[in-house]
Protein backbone atom coordinates (compact mmCIF):
# COMPACT_ATOMS: atom_id res chain seq x y z
CA UNK A 1 -51.04 83.74 -68.93
CA UNK A 2 -48.46 83.03 -66.28
CA UNK A 3 -46.97 79.51 -65.99
CA UNK A 4 -48.58 77.16 -63.53
CA UNK A 5 -46.60 76.61 -60.31
CA UNK A 6 -46.16 73.01 -59.08
CA UNK A 7 -46.54 74.26 -55.51
CA UNK A 8 -50.02 75.58 -56.23
CA UNK A 9 -51.02 72.52 -58.23
CA UNK A 10 -50.22 70.17 -55.32
CA UNK A 11 -53.08 71.68 -53.26
CA UNK A 12 -55.68 70.86 -55.98
CA UNK A 13 -57.68 67.64 -56.25
CA UNK A 14 -56.93 64.99 -58.78
CA UNK A 15 -60.20 65.76 -60.71
CA UNK A 16 -59.31 69.44 -60.95
CA UNK A 17 -55.87 68.58 -62.23
CA UNK A 18 -57.37 66.13 -64.83
CA UNK A 19 -59.73 68.86 -66.01
CA UNK A 20 -56.77 71.24 -66.42
CA UNK A 21 -54.81 68.58 -68.36
CA UNK A 22 -57.66 68.09 -70.87
CA UNK A 23 -58.14 71.88 -71.21
CA UNK A 24 -54.48 72.34 -71.93
CA UNK A 25 -54.40 69.52 -74.45
CA UNK A 26 -57.30 71.06 -76.31
CA UNK A 27 -55.50 74.46 -76.27
CA UNK A 28 -52.29 72.92 -77.47
CA UNK A 29 -54.11 71.11 -80.32
CA UNK A 30 -55.57 74.53 -81.39
CA UNK A 31 -52.22 76.21 -81.38
CA UNK A 32 -50.67 73.35 -83.36
CA UNK A 33 -53.41 73.68 -86.01
CA UNK A 34 -52.76 77.43 -86.15
CA UNK A 35 -49.07 76.90 -86.44
CA UNK A 36 -49.42 74.35 -89.22
CA UNK A 37 -51.68 76.75 -91.18
CA UNK A 38 -49.35 79.64 -90.58
CA UNK A 39 -51.94 81.73 -88.61
CA UNK A 40 -50.27 81.60 -85.18
CA UNK A 41 -49.56 84.90 -83.50
CA UNK A 42 -48.18 83.77 -80.16
CA UNK A 43 -45.95 80.88 -80.96
CA UNK A 44 -44.29 81.03 -77.50
CA UNK A 45 -47.49 79.77 -76.04
CA UNK A 46 -46.93 76.33 -77.47
CA UNK A 47 -43.73 75.95 -75.44
CA UNK A 48 -45.48 77.30 -72.40
CA UNK A 49 -48.51 74.99 -72.65
CA UNK A 50 -46.16 71.96 -73.05
CA UNK A 51 -44.32 72.85 -69.89
CA UNK A 52 -47.51 73.45 -67.94
CA UNK A 53 -48.88 70.14 -69.19
CA UNK A 54 -45.75 68.39 -68.04
CA UNK A 55 -45.91 70.05 -64.63
CA UNK A 56 -49.54 68.94 -64.24
CA UNK A 57 -48.80 65.31 -65.30
CA UNK A 58 -45.88 65.29 -62.78
CA UNK A 59 -48.01 66.36 -59.99
CA UNK A 60 -50.66 63.87 -60.96
CA UNK A 61 -48.06 61.09 -60.98
CA UNK A 62 -46.85 62.21 -57.52
CA UNK A 63 -50.35 62.03 -56.15
CA UNK A 64 -50.73 58.59 -57.68
CA UNK A 65 -47.61 57.32 -56.09
CA UNK A 66 -48.51 58.68 -52.71
CA UNK A 67 -51.86 56.84 -52.73
CA UNK A 68 -50.10 53.45 -53.23
């Protein structure tokens, strides 16, 4: 999966972004469980998911500040 681009995320609605945040958090949890049990094959995805999650949260915060 390619990393999410902040430019593309800014065009989406807040609800869509929040849905993506929850999906990424679930995916990250699954990868963490796999890493802890030693069954993970794509360990680089953990880092990628964390960065995508940070991008999403940053864009959400930007949208929140604009609405104030």
